[in-house]
Amino acid sequence: MIRLTKLNAKPLELDPDFIERVEVPSDTVLTMVDGAVHLVRERLPEIVSLVRDHQAGLLLAAHEVQTSVPPRPTMLVALPAGNRDPTAVRGDQCVPPDGVSSSCQPVIGRPCQLSSSM
């Protein structure tokens, strides 16, 4: 939203995406896409600056969201006691040495599952 001022000094907040056109015969006239008309005190260069700042803020927020997405979690493999070679673990039958999943070693692509026999 951008904040403008009506000719009667009351504040007016508008979504700049719905501004169809701005005319400046003497007063600044905003025509919205739904046909509503607003007379405001701000001149065209100031409105353009407000809209540009609003859109830049949206782009910045979208960029921050996109770059703050955490990486996909690494899957864990539980290695049998004494085994440090994840390629030697077969399927889903591996068991952590102490029976606790926190002792799993991080290895991409294989799930960590506890055996029901422990």
PDB file of N, CA and C in Angstrom:
ATOM      1  N   MET A   1       0.850  -1.172   0.000  1.00  0.00           N
ATOM      2  CA  MET A   1       0.000   0.000   0.000  1.00  0.00           C
ATOM      3  C   MET A   1       0.898   1.239   0.000  1.00  0.00           C
ATOM      4  N   ILE A   2       0.409   2.259  -0.659  1.00  0.00           N
ATOM      5  CA  ILE A   2       1.093   3.548  -0.611  1.00  0.00           C
ATOM      6  C   ILE A   2       0.169   4.536   0.080  1.00  0.00           C
ATOM      7  N   ARG A   3       0.747   5.462   0.801  1.00  0.00           N
ATOM      8  CA  ARG A   3      -0.037   6.458   1.533  1.00  0.00           C
ATOM      9  C   ARG A   3       0.028   7.785   0.790  1.00  0.00           C
ATOM     10  N   LEU A   4      -1.146   8.292   0.459  1.00  0.00           N
ATOM     11  CA  LEU A   4      -1.282   9.584  -0.206  1.00  0.00           C
ATOM     12  C   LEU A   4      -2.156  10.483   0.664  1.00  0.00           C
ATOM     13  N   THR A   5      -2.345  11.723   0.219  1.00  0.00           N
ATOM     14  CA  THR A   5      -3.162  12.673   0.964  1.00  0.00           C
ATOM     15  C   THR A   5      -4.239  13.238   0.046  1.00  0.00           C
ATOM     16  N   LYS A   6      -5.496  13.108   0.472  1.00  0.00           N
ATOM     17  CA  LYS A   6      -6.600  13.684  -0.294  1.00  0.00           C
ATOM     18  C   LYS A   6      -6.498  15.209  -0.231  1.00  0.00           C
ATOM     19  N   LEU A   7      -7.226  15.877  -1.100  1.00  0.00           N
ATOM     20  CA  LEU A   7      -7.212  17.345  -1.108  1.00  0.00           C
ATOM     21  C   LEU A   7      -7.726  17.917   0.207  1.00  0.00           C
ATOM     22  N   ASN A   8      -8.601  17.186   0.923  1.00  0.00           N
ATOM     23  CA  ASN A   8      -9.122  17.659   2.213  1.00  0.00           C
ATOM     24  C   ASN A   8      -8.190  17.302   3.379  1.00  0.00           C
ATOM     25  N   ALA A   9      -6.965  16.892   3.088  1.00  0.00           N
ATOM     26  CA  ALA A   9      -5.900  16.581   4.052  1.00  0.00           C
ATOM     27  C   ALA A   9      -6.086  15.235   4.762  1.00  0.00           C
ATOM     28  N   LYS A  10      -7.062  14.453   4.388  1.00  0.00           N
ATOM     29  CA  LYS A  10      -7.239  13.131   4.990  1.00  0.00           C
ATOM     30  C   LYS A  10      -6.325  12.131   4.290  1.00  0.00           C
ATOM     31  N   PRO A  11      -5.768  11.189   5.062  1.00  0.00           N
ATOM     32  CA  PRO A  11      -4.875  10.191   4.449  1.00  0.00           C
ATOM     33  C   PRO A  11      -5.664   9.199   3.590  1.00  0.00           C
ATOM     34  N   LEU A  12      -5.009   8.716   2.576  1.00  0.00           N
ATOM     35  CA  LEU A  12      -5.593   7.748   1.659  1.00  0.00           C
ATOM     36  C   LEU A  12      -4.532   6.696   1.367  1.00  0.00           C
ATOM     37  N   GLU A  13      -4.857   5.441   1.640  1.00  0.00           N
ATOM     38  CA  GLU A  13      -3.932   4.351   1.329  1.00  0.00           C
ATOM     39  C   GLU A  13      -4.502   3.529   0.195  1.00  0.00           C
ATOM     40  N   LEU A  14      -3.683   3.317  -0.806  1.00  0.00           N
ATOM     41  CA  LEU A  14      -4.107   2.605  -2.008  1.00  0.00           C
ATOM     42  C   LEU A  14      -3.117   1.505  -2.346  1.00  0.00           C
ATOM     43  N   ASP A  15      -3.645   0.452  -2.954  1.00  0.00           N
ATOM     44  CA  ASP A  15      -2.780  -0.577  -3.521  1.00  0.00           C
ATOM     45  C   ASP A  15      -2.370  -0.072  -4.902  1.00  0.00           C
ATOM     46  N   PRO A  16      -1.085   0.203  -5.116  1.00  0.00           N
ATOM     47  CA  PRO A  16      -0.661   0.777  -6.394  1.00  0.00           C
ATOM     48  C   PRO A  16      -0.902  -0.139  -7.594  1.00  0.00           C
ATOM     49  N   ASP A  17      -1.114  -1.422  -7.352  1.00  0.00           N
ATOM     50  CA  ASP A  17      -1.394  -2.336  -8.459  1.00  0.00           C
ATOM     51  C   ASP A  17      -2.748  -2.047  -9.109  1.00  0.00           C
ATOM     52  N   PHE A  18      -3.613  -1.313  -8.407  1.00  0.00           N
ATOM     53  CA  PHE A  18      -4.943  -1.040  -8.927  1.00  0.00           C
ATOM     54  C   PHE A  18      -5.087   0.375  -9.495  1.00  0.00           C
ATOM     55  N   ILE A  19      -3.975   1.096  -9.606  1.00  0.00           N
ATOM     56  CA  ILE A  19      -4.022   2.410 -10.250  1.00  0.00           C
ATOM     57  C   ILE A  19      -3.993   2.188 -11.757  1.00  0.00           C
ATOM     58  N   GLU A  20      -5.008   2.683 -12.434  1.00  0.00           N
ATOM     59  CA  GLU A  20      -5.053   2.555 -13.892  1.00  0.00           C
ATOM     60  C   GLU A  20      -4.281   3.679 -14.557  1.00  0.00           C
ATOM     61  N   ARG A  21      -4.515   4.913 -14.076  1.00  0.00           N
ATOM     62  CA  ARG A  21      -3.805   6.057 -14.662  1.00  0.00           C
ATOM     63  C   ARG A  21      -3.764   7.207 -13.676  1.00  0.00           C
ATOM     64  N   VAL A  22      -2.800   8.090 -13.903  1.00  0.00           N
ATOM     65  CA  VAL A  22      -2.645   9.311 -13.110  1.00  0.00           C
ATOM     66  C   VAL A  22      -2.685  10.474 -14.088  1.00  0.00           C
ATOM     67  N   GLU A  23      -3.567  11.416 -13.812  1.00  0.00           N
ATOM     68  CA  GLU A  23      -3.680  12.608 -14.654  1.00  0.00           C
ATOM     69  C   GLU A  23      -3.357  13.827 -13.817  1.00  0.00           C
ATOM     70  N   VAL A  24      -2.719  14.804 -14.438  1.00  0.00           N
ATOM     71  CA  VAL A  24      -2.341  16.015 -13.726  1.00  0.00           C
ATOM     72  C   VAL A  24      -2.771  17.253 -14.531  1.00  0.00           C
ATOM     73  N   PRO A  25      -4.101  17.478 -14.675  1.00  0.00           N
ATOM     74  CA  PRO A  25      -4.520  18.702 -15.354  1.00  0.00           C
ATOM     75  C   PRO A  25      -4.220  19.925 -14.474  1.00  0.00           C
ATOM     76  N   SER A  26      -4.630  19.906 -13.220  1.00  0.00           N
ATOM     77  CA  SER A  26      -4.255  20.928 -12.238  1.00  0.00           C
ATOM     78  C   SER A  26      -4.001  20.214 -10.916  1.00  0.00           C
ATOM     79  N   ASP A  27      -5.002  19.464 -10.437  1.00  0.00           N
ATOM     80  CA  ASP A  27      -4.810  18.587  -9.282  1.00  0.00           C
ATOM     81  C   ASP A  27      -4.440  17.199  -9.814  1.00  0.00           C
ATOM     82  N   THR A  28      -3.846  16.404  -8.946  1.00  0.00           N
ATOM     83  CA  THR A  28      -3.487  15.051  -9.366  1.00  0.00           C
ATOM     84  C   THR A  28      -4.709  14.155  -9.221  1.00  0.00           C
ATOM     85  N   VAL A  29      -5.098  13.513 -10.303  1.00  0.00           N
ATOM     86  CA  VAL A  29      -6.278  12.650 -10.339  1.00  0.00           C
ATOM     87  C   VAL A  29      -5.819  11.211 -10.580  1.00  0.00           C
ATOM     88  N   LEU A  30      -6.151  10.338  -9.613  1.00  0.00           N
ATOM     89  CA  LEU A  30      -5.847   8.914  -9.760  1.00  0.00           C
ATOM     90  C   LEU A  30      -7.121   8.198 -10.171  1.00  0.00           C
ATOM     91  N   THR A  31      -7.069   7.466 -11.253  1.00  0.00           N
ATOM     92  CA  THR A  31      -8.199   6.644 -11.673  1.00  0.00           C
ATOM     93  C   THR A  31      -7.805   5.195 -11.439  1.00  0.00           C
ATOM     94  N   MET A  32      -8.651   4.500 -10.686  1.00  0.00           N
ATOM     95  CA  MET A  32      -8.374   3.115 -10.332  1.00  0.00           C
ATOM     96  C   MET A  32      -8.978   2.191 -11.384  1.00  0.00           C
ATOM     97  N   VAL A  33      -8.570   0.936 -11.389  1.00  0.00           N
ATOM     98  CA  VAL A  33      -9.058  -0.011 -12.386  1.00  0.00           C
ATOM     99  C   VAL A  33     -10.554  -0.255 -12.264  1.00  0.00           C
ATOM    100  N   ASP A  34     -11.124  -0.039 -11.064  1.00  0.00           N
ATOM    101  CA  ASP A  34     -12.568  -0.234 -10.898  1.00  0.00           C
ATOM    102  C   ASP A  34     -13.372   1.025 -11.227  1.00  0.00           C
ATOM    103  N   GLY A  35     -12.680   2.082 -11.708  1.00  0.00           N
ATOM    104  CA  GLY A  35     -13.352   3.321 -12.088  1.00  0.00           C
ATOM    105  C   GLY A  35     -13.384   4.378 -11.004  1.00  0.00           C
ATOM    106  N   ALA A  36     -13.001   4.033  -9.775  1.00  0.00           N
ATOM    107  CA  ALA A  36     -12.978   5.026  -8.690  1.00  0.00           C
ATOM    108  C   ALA A  36     -11.948   6.099  -9.022  1.00  0.00           C
ATOM    109  N   VAL A  37     -12.259   7.335  -8.630  1.00  0.00           N
ATOM    110  CA  VAL A  37     -11.376   8.473  -8.899  1.00  0.00           C
ATOM    111  C   VAL A  37     -11.008   9.122  -7.570  1.00  0.00           C
ATOM    112  N   HIS A  38      -9.729   9.416  -7.409  1.00  0.00           N
ATOM    113  CA  HIS A  38      -9.241  10.062  -6.187  1.00  0.00           C
ATOM    114  C   HIS A  38      -8.439  11.297  -6.565  1.00  0.00           C
ATOM    115  N   LEU A  39      -8.724  12.413  -5.890  1.00  0.00           N
ATOM    116  CA  LEU A  39      -7.940  13.641  -6.044  1.00  0.00           C
ATOM    117  C   LEU A  39      -6.959  13.685  -4.876  1.00  0.00           C
ATOM    118  N   VAL A  40      -5.680  13.812  -5.188  1.00  0.00           N
ATOM    119  CA  VAL A  40      -4.655  13.802  -4.133  1.00  0.00           C
ATOM    120  C   VAL A  40      -3.732  14.998  -4.258  1.00  0.00           C
ATOM    121  N   ARG A  41      -3.063  15.321  -3.149  1.00  0.00           N
ATOM    122  CA  ARG A  41      -2.140  16.461  -3.107  1.00  0.00           C
ATOM    123  C   ARG A  41      -0.797  16.166  -3.761  1.00  0.00           C
ATOM    124  N   GLU A  42      -0.374  14.917  -3.717  1.00  0.00           N
ATOM    125  CA  GLU A  42       0.936  14.550  -4.247  1.00  0.00           C
ATOM    126  C   GLU A  42       0.966  14.759  -5.762  1.00  0.00           C
ATOM    127  N   ARG A  43       2.144  15.156  -6.235  1.00  0.00           N
ATOM    128  CA  ARG A  43       2.349  15.364  -7.673  1.00  0.00           C
ATOM    129  C   ARG A  43       2.826  14.054  -8.302  1.00  0.00           C
ATOM    130  N   LEU A  44       2.812  13.988  -9.592  1.00  0.00           N
ATOM    131  CA  LEU A  44       3.157  12.771 -10.334  1.00  0.00           C
ATOM    132  C   LEU A  44       4.532  12.201  -9.971  1.00  0.00           C
ATOM    133  N   PRO A  45       5.605  13.009  -9.925  1.00  0.00           N
ATOM    134  CA  PRO A  45       6.922  12.414  -9.591  1.00  0.00           C
ATOM    135  C   PRO A  45       6.932  11.738  -8.216  1.00  0.00           C
ATOM    136  N   GLU A  46       6.219  12.313  -7.248  1.00  0.00           N
ATOM    137  CA  GLU A  46       6.182  11.709  -5.919  1.00  0.00           C
ATOM    138  C   GLU A  46       5.393  10.395  -5.937  1.00  0.00           C
ATOM    139  N   ILE A  47       4.304  10.356  -6.693  1.00  0.00           N
ATOM    140  CA  ILE A  47       3.518   9.122  -6.797  1.00  0.00           C
ATOM    141  C   ILE A  47       4.335   8.027  -7.479  1.00  0.00           C
ATOM    142  N   VAL A  48       5.026   8.397  -8.537  1.00  0.00           N
ATOM    143  CA  VAL A  48       5.883   7.428  -9.228  1.00  0.00           C
ATOM    144  C   VAL A  48       6.941   6.887  -8.268  1.00  0.00           C
ATOM    145  N   SER A  49       7.535   7.747  -7.468  1.00  0.00           N
ATOM    146  CA  SER A  49       8.550   7.325  -6.502  1.00  0.00           C
ATOM    147  C   SER A  49       7.948   6.390  -5.450  1.00  0.00           C
ATOM    148  N   LEU A  50       6.755   6.713  -4.951  1.00  0.00           N
ATOM    149  CA  LEU A  50       6.094   5.858  -3.958  1.00  0.00           C
ATOM    150  C   LEU A  50       5.784   4.476  -4.535  1.00  0.00           C
ATOM    151  N   VAL A  51       5.284   4.451  -5.767  1.00  0.00           N
ATOM    152  CA  VAL A  51       4.973   3.167  -6.404  1.00  0.00           C
ATOM    153  C   VAL A  51       6.247   2.368  -6.630  1.00  0.00           C
ATOM    154  N   ARG A  52       7.308   3.031  -7.079  1.00  0.00           N
ATOM    155  CA  ARG A  52       8.585   2.339  -7.310  1.00  0.00           C
ATOM    156  C   ARG A  52       9.123   1.770  -5.999  1.00  0.00           C
ATOM    157  N   ASP A  53       9.075   2.560  -4.928  1.00  0.00           N
ATOM    158  CA  ASP A  53       9.556   2.076  -3.631  1.00  0.00           C
ATOM    159  C   ASP A  53       8.724   0.894  -3.138  1.00  0.00           C
ATOM    160  N   HIS A  54       7.415   0.969  -3.343  1.00  0.00           N
ATOM    161  CA  HIS A  54       6.522  -0.122  -2.933  1.00  0.00           C
ATOM    162  C   HIS A  54       6.884  -1.408  -3.679  1.00  0.00           C
ATOM    163  N   GLN A  55       7.046  -1.311  -4.979  1.00  0.00           N
ATOM    164  CA  GLN A  55       7.350  -2.502  -5.770  1.00  0.00           C
ATOM    165  C   GLN A  55       8.750  -3.035  -5.471  1.00  0.00           C
ATOM    166  N   ALA A  56       9.698  -2.135  -5.224  1.00  0.00           N
ATOM    167  CA  ALA A  56      11.049  -2.577  -4.853  1.00  0.00           C
ATOM    168  C   ALA A  56      11.013  -3.327  -3.528  1.00  0.00           C
ATOM    169  N   GLY A  57      10.186  -2.839  -2.592  1.00  0.00           N
ATOM    170  CA  GLY A  57      10.040  -3.529  -1.311  1.00  0.00           C
ATOM    171  C   GLY A  57       9.467  -4.924  -1.471  1.00  0.00           C
ATOM    172  N   LEU A  58       8.497  -5.067  -2.378  1.00  0.00           N
ATOM    173  CA  LEU A  58       7.924  -6.391  -2.639  1.00  0.00           C
ATOM    174  C   LEU A  58       8.966  -7.336  -3.224  1.00  0.00           C
ATOM    175  N   LEU A  59       9.749  -6.831  -4.170  1.00  0.00           N
ATOM    176  CA  LEU A  59      10.789  -7.663  -4.788  1.00  0.00           C
ATOM    177  C   LEU A  59      11.847  -8.062  -3.768  1.00  0.00           C
ATOM    178  N   LEU A  60      12.228  -7.121  -2.902  1.00  0.00           N
ATOM    179  CA  LEU A  60      13.219  -7.415  -1.866  1.00  0.00           C
ATOM    180  C   LEU A  60      12.688  -8.475  -0.902  1.00  0.00           C
ATOM    181  N   ALA A  61      11.439  -8.327  -0.491  1.00  0.00           N
ATOM    182  CA  ALA A  61      10.844  -9.309   0.418  1.00  0.00           C
ATOM    183  C   ALA A  61      10.787 -10.692  -0.231  1.00  0.00           C
ATOM    184  N   ALA A  62      10.414 -10.741  -1.503  1.00  0.00           N
ATOM    185  CA  ALA A  62      10.367 -12.026  -2.212  1.00  0.00           C
ATOM    186  C   ALA A  62      11.757 -12.639  -2.312  1.00  0.00           C
ATOM    187  N   HIS A  63      12.764 -11.811  -2.565  1.00  0.00           N
ATOM    188  CA  HIS A  63      14.142 -12.310  -2.654  1.00  0.00           C
ATOM    189  C   HIS A  63      14.595 -12.859  -1.307  1.00  0.00           C
ATOM    190  N   GLU A  64      14.264 -12.152  -0.219  1.00  0.00           N
ATOM    191  CA  GLU A  64      14.660 -12.612   1.107  1.00  0.00           C
ATOM    192  C   GLU A  64      14.005 -13.941   1.454  1.00  0.00           C
ATOM    193  N   VAL A  65      12.749 -14.095   1.080  1.00  0.00           N
ATOM    194  CA  VAL A  65      12.065 -15.361   1.330  1.00  0.00           C
ATOM    195  C   VAL A  65      12.721 -16.475   0.517  1.00  0.00           C
ATOM    196  N   GLN A  66      13.015 -16.186  -0.742  1.00  0.00           N
ATOM    197  CA  GLN A  66      13.605 -17.200  -1.622  1.00  0.00           C
ATOM    198  C   GLN A  66      14.991 -17.609  -1.135  1.00  0.00           C
ATOM    199  N   THR A  67      15.798 -16.663  -0.674  1.00  0.00           N
ATOM    200  CA  THR A  67      17.164 -16.998  -0.254  1.00  0.00           C
ATOM    201  C   THR A  67      17.230 -17.488   1.176  1.00  0.00           C
ATOM    202  N   SER A  68      16.152 -17.349   1.954  1.00  0.00           N
ATOM    203  CA  SER A  68      16.197 -17.808   3.340  1.00  0.00           C
ATOM    204  C   SER A  68      15.619 -19.201   3.503  1.00  0.00           C
ATOM    205  N   VAL A  69      15.216 -19.831   2.413  1.00  0.00           N
ATOM    206  CA  VAL A  69      14.695 -21.195   2.493  1.00  0.00           C
ATOM    207  C   VAL A  69      15.843 -22.115   2.881  1.00  0.00           C
ATOM    208  N   PRO A  70      15.683 -22.840   3.979  1.00  0.00           N
ATOM    209  CA  PRO A  70      16.785 -23.711   4.399  1.00  0.00           C
ATOM    210  C   PRO A  70      17.007 -24.828   3.388  1.00  0.00           C
ATOM    211  N   PRO A  71      18.238 -25.316   3.309  1.00  0.00           N
ATOM    212  CA  PRO A  71      18.509 -26.424   2.390  1.00  0.00           C
ATOM    213  C   PRO A  71      17.743 -27.666   2.824  1.00  0.00           C
ATOM    214  N   ARG A  72      17.533 -28.565   1.880  1.00  0.00           N
ATOM    215  CA  ARG A  72      16.839 -29.805   2.202  1.00  0.00           C
ATOM    216  C   ARG A  72      17.631 -30.564   3.257  1.00  0.00           C
ATOM    217  N   PRO A  73      16.954 -31.177   4.209  1.00  0.00           N
ATOM    218  CA  PRO A  73      17.679 -31.891   5.270  1.00  0.00           C
ATOM    219  C   PRO A  73      18.438 -33.095   4.722  1.00  0.00           C
ATOM    220  N   THR A  74      19.555 -33.354   5.340  1.00  0.00           N
ATOM    221  CA  THR A  74      20.350 -34.520   4.988  1.00  0.00           C
ATOM    222  C   THR A  74      19.728 -35.740   5.642  1.00  0.00           C
ATOM    223  N   MET A  75      19.595 -36.795   4.879  1.00  0.00           N
ATOM    224  CA  MET A  75      19.078 -38.038   5.458  1.00  0.00           C
ATOM    225  C   MET A  75      20.209 -38.702   6.239  1.00  0.00           C
ATOM    226  N   LEU A  76      19.841 -39.453   7.250  1.00  0.00           N
ATOM    227  CA  LEU A  76      20.829 -40.099   8.098  1.00  0.00           C
ATOM    228  C   LEU A  76      20.812 -41.608   7.905  1.00  0.00           C
ATOM    229  N   VAL A  77      21.981 -42.193   8.048  1.00  0.00           N
ATOM    230  CA  VAL A  77      22.114 -43.655   7.996  1.00  0.00           C
ATOM    231  C   VAL A  77      22.709 -44.085   9.323  1.00  0.00           C
ATOM    232  N   ALA A  78      22.112 -45.092   9.931  1.00  0.00           N
ATOM    233  CA  ALA A  78      22.661 -45.642  11.164  1.00  0.00           C
ATOM    234  C   ALA A  78      23.655 -46.730  10.790  1.00  0.00           C
ATOM    235  N   LEU A  79      24.887 -46.558  11.224  1.00  0.00           N
ATOM    236  CA  LEU A  79      25.929 -47.539  10.904  1.00  0.00           C
ATOM    237  C   LEU A  79      26.062 -48.544  12.041  1.00  0.00           C
ATOM    238  N   PRO A  80      26.197 -49.816  11.713  1.00  0.00           N
ATOM    239  CA  PRO A  80      26.420 -50.822  12.763  1.00  0.00           C
ATOM    240  C   PRO A  80      27.692 -50.509  13.534  1.00  0.00           C
ATOM    241  N   ALA A  81      27.761 -50.998  14.762  1.00  0.00           N
ATOM    242  CA  ALA A  81      28.905 -50.730  15.633  1.00  0.00           C
ATOM    243  C   ALA A  81      30.214 -51.063  14.932  1.00  0.00           C
ATOM    244  N   GLY A  82      31.141 -50.147  14.969  1.00  0.00           N
ATOM    245  CA  GLY A  82      32.451 -50.354  14.387  1.00  0.00           C
ATOM    246  C   GLY A  82      32.508 -50.150  12.884  1.00  0.00           C
ATOM    247  N   ASN A  83      31.396 -49.988  12.220  1.00  0.00           N
ATOM    248  CA  ASN A  83      31.384 -49.827  10.764  1.00  0.00           C
ATOM    249  C   ASN A  83      31.290 -48.344  10.425  1.00  0.00           C
ATOM    250  N   ARG A  84      32.279 -47.823   9.746  1.00  0.00           N
ATOM    251  CA  ARG A  84      32.274 -46.418   9.336  1.00  0.00           C
ATOM    252  C   ARG A  84      32.135 -46.285   7.823  1.00  0.00           C
ATOM    253  N   ASP A  85      31.808 -47.395   7.152  1.00  0.00           N
ATOM    254  CA  ASP A  85      31.662 -47.368   5.702  1.00  0.00           C
ATOM    255  C   ASP A  85      30.180 -47.460   5.350  1.00  0.00           C
ATOM    256  N   PRO A  86      29.537 -46.320   4.984  1.00  0.00           N
ATOM    257  CA  PRO A  86      28.105 -46.357   4.703  1.00  0.00           C
ATOM    258  C   PRO A  86      27.742 -47.227   3.510  1.00  0.00           C
ATOM    259  N   THR A  87      28.715 -47.554   2.647  1.00  0.00           N
ATOM    260  CA  THR A  87      28.400 -48.399   1.489  1.00  0.00           C
ATOM    261  C   THR A  87      28.208 -49.847   1.913  1.00  0.00           C
ATOM    262  N   ALA A  88      28.681 -50.207   3.128  1.00  0.00           N
ATOM    263  CA  ALA A  88      28.552 -51.589   3.601  1.00  0.00           C
ATOM    264  C   ALA A  88      27.209 -51.836   4.279  1.00  0.00           C
ATOM    265  N   VAL A  89      26.429 -50.793   4.525  1.00  0.00           N
ATOM    266  CA  VAL A  89      25.136 -50.941   5.187  1.00  0.00           C
ATOM    267  C   VAL A  89      24.123 -51.439   4.170  1.00  0.00           C
ATOM    268  N   ARG A  90      23.338 -52.463   4.532  1.00  0.00           N
ATOM    269  CA  ARG A  90      22.373 -53.019   3.598  1.00  0.00           C
ATOM    270  C   ARG A  90      20.957 -52.541   3.914  1.00  0.00           C
ATOM    271  N   GLY A  91      20.336 -51.920   2.933  1.00  0.00           N
ATOM    272  CA  GLY A  91      18.927 -51.538   3.015  1.00  0.00           C
ATOM    273  C   GLY A  91      18.552 -50.803   4.275  1.00  0.00           C
ATOM    274  N   ASP A  92      17.394 -51.197   4.833  1.00  0.00           N
ATOM    275  CA  ASP A  92      16.859 -50.527   6.015  1.00  0.00           C
ATOM    276  C   ASP A  92      17.194 -51.287   7.297  1.00  0.00           C
ATOM    277  N   GLN A  93      18.090 -52.264   7.216  1.00  0.00           N
ATOM    278  CA  GLN A  93      18.350 -53.118   8.366  1.00  0.00           C
ATOM    279  C   GLN A  93      19.446 -52.599   9.289  1.00  0.00           C
ATOM    280  N   CYS A  94      20.021 -51.448   8.988  1.00  0.00           N
ATOM    281  CA  CYS A  94      21.105 -50.942   9.829  1.00  0.00           C
ATOM    282  C   CYS A  94      20.566 -50.509  11.192  1.00  0.00           C
ATOM    283  N   VAL A  95      21.404 -50.627  12.205  1.00  0.00           N
ATOM    284  CA  VAL A  95      21.023 -50.283  13.573  1.00  0.00           C
ATOM    285  C   VAL A  95      22.116 -49.384  14.151  1.00  0.00           C
ATOM    286  N   PRO A  96      21.747 -48.267  14.801  1.00  0.00           N
ATOM    287  CA  PRO A  96      22.769 -47.434  15.424  1.00  0.00           C
ATOM    288  C   PRO A  96      23.516 -48.230  16.492  1.00  0.00           C
ATOM    289  N   PRO A  97      24.794 -47.969  16.674  1.00  0.00           N
ATOM    290  CA  PRO A  97      25.588 -48.733  17.643  1.00  0.00           C
ATOM    291  C   PRO A  97      24.981 -48.741  19.035  1.00  0.00           C
ATOM    292  N   ASP A  98      24.397 -47.639  19.468  1.00  0.00           N
ATOM    293  CA  ASP A  98      23.827 -47.582  20.821  1.00  0.00           C
ATOM    294  C   ASP A  98      22.302 -47.694  20.817  1.00  0.00           C
ATOM    295  N   GLY A  99      21.712 -47.974  19.654  1.00  0.00           N
ATOM    296  CA  GLY A  99      20.262 -48.118  19.559  1.00  0.00           C
ATOM    297  C   GLY A  99      19.498 -46.813  19.582  1.00  0.00           C
ATOM    298  N   VAL A 100      20.219 -45.694  19.537  1.00  0.00           N
ATOM    299  CA  VAL A 100      19.591 -44.371  19.577  1.00  0.00           C
ATOM    300  C   VAL A 100      19.843 -43.676  18.243  1.00  0.00           C
ATOM    301  N   SER A 101      18.800 -43.117  17.649  1.00  0.00           N
ATOM    302  CA  SER A 101      18.946 -42.525  16.321  1.00  0.00           C
ATOM    303  C   SER A 101      19.879 -41.327  16.302  1.00  0.00           C
ATOM    304  N   SER A 102      20.160 -40.711  17.464  1.00  0.00           N
ATOM    305  CA  SER A 102      21.065 -39.558  17.481  1.00  0.00           C
ATOM    306  C   SER A 102      22.497 -39.955  17.152  1.00  0.00           C
ATOM    307  N   SER A 103      22.794 -41.266  17.180  1.00  0.00           N
ATOM    308  CA  SER A 103      24.143 -41.709  16.850  1.00  0.00           C
ATOM    309  C   SER A 103      24.300 -42.006  15.364  1.00  0.00           C
ATOM    310  N   CYS A 104      23.264 -41.713  14.574  1.00  0.00           N
ATOM    311  CA  CYS A 104      23.355 -41.942  13.128  1.00  0.00           C
ATOM    312  C   CYS A 104      24.405 -41.030  12.519  1.00  0.00           C
ATOM    313  N   GLN A 105      25.027 -41.526  11.468  1.00  0.00           N
ATOM    314  CA  GLN A 105      26.004 -40.741  10.739  1.00  0.00           C
ATOM    315  C   GLN A 105      25.321 -40.093   9.541  1.00  0.00           C
ATOM    316  N   PRO A 106      25.560 -38.794   9.273  1.00  0.00           N
ATOM    317  CA  PRO A 106      24.902 -38.169   8.134  1.00  0.00           C
ATOM    318  C   PRO A 106      25.440 -38.688   6.802  1.00  0.00           C
ATOM    319  N   VAL A 107      24.562 -39.251   6.014  1.00  0.00           N
ATOM    320  CA  VAL A 107      24.894 -39.731   4.677  1.00  0.00           C
ATOM    321  C   VAL A 107      23.692 -39.422   3.796  1.00  0.00           C
ATOM    322  N   ILE A 108      23.925 -38.744   2.698  1.00  0.00           N
ATOM    323  CA  ILE A 108      22.819 -38.359   1.830  1.00  0.00           C
ATOM    324  C   ILE A 108      22.225 -39.587   1.140  1.00  0.00           C
ATOM    325  N   GLY A 109      20.888 -39.649   1.120  1.00  0.00           N
ATOM    326  CA  GLY A 109      20.199 -40.628   0.307  1.00  0.00           C
ATOM    327  C   GLY A 109      19.735 -41.897   0.985  1.00  0.00           C
ATOM    328  N   ARG A 110      20.034 -42.113   2.256  1.00  0.00           N
ATOM    329  CA  ARG A 110      19.607 -43.344   2.907  1.00  0.00           C
ATOM    330  C   ARG A 110      18.932 -43.007   4.226  1.00  0.00           C
ATOM    331  N   PRO A 111      17.823 -43.649   4.540  1.00  0.00           N
ATOM    332  CA  PRO A 111      17.099 -43.353   5.771  1.00  0.00           C
ATOM    333  C   PRO A 111      17.746 -43.979   7.002  1.00  0.00           C
ATOM    334  N   CYS A 112      17.513 -43.349   8.120  1.00  0.00           N
ATOM    335  CA  CYS A 112      17.984 -43.908   9.394  1.00  0.00           C
ATOM    336  C   CYS A 112      16.788 -44.548  10.075  1.00  0.00           C
ATOM    337  N   GLN A 113      16.835 -45.841  10.286  1.00  0.00           N
ATOM    338  CA  GLN A 113      15.728 -46.547  10.939  1.00  0.00           C
ATOM    339  C   GLN A 113      16.303 -47.427  12.027  1.00  0.00           C
ATOM    340  N   LEU A 114      15.589 -47.450  13.135  1.00  0.00           N
ATOM    341  CA  LEU A 114      16.010 -48.317  14.223  1.00  0.00           C
ATOM    342  C   LEU A 114      15.417 -49.703  14.004  1.00  0.00           C
ATOM    343  N   SER A 115      16.207 -50.718  14.330  1.00  0.00           N
ATOM    344  CA  SER A 115      15.718 -52.080  14.223  1.00  0.00           C
ATOM    345  C   SER A 115      14.834 -52.377  15.432  1.00  0.00           C
ATOM    346  N   SER A 116      13.758 -53.116  15.213  1.00  0.00           N
ATOM    347  CA  SER A 116      12.858 -53.465  16.319  1.00  0.00           C
ATOM    348  C   SER A 116      13.476 -54.547  17.216  1.00  0.00           C
ATOM    349  N   SER A 117      14.604 -55.126  16.800  1.00  0.00           N
ATOM    350  CA  SER A 117      15.222 -56.194  17.579  1.00  0.00           C
ATOM    351  C   SER A 117      16.043 -55.649  18.730  1.00  0.00           C
ATOM    352  N   MET A 118      16.262 -54.362  18.825  1.00  0.00           N
ATOM    353  CA  MET A 118      17.089 -53.817  19.898  1.00  0.00           C
ATOM    354  C   MET A 118      16.266 -53.387  21.055  1.00  0.00           C
TER     355      MET A 118
END
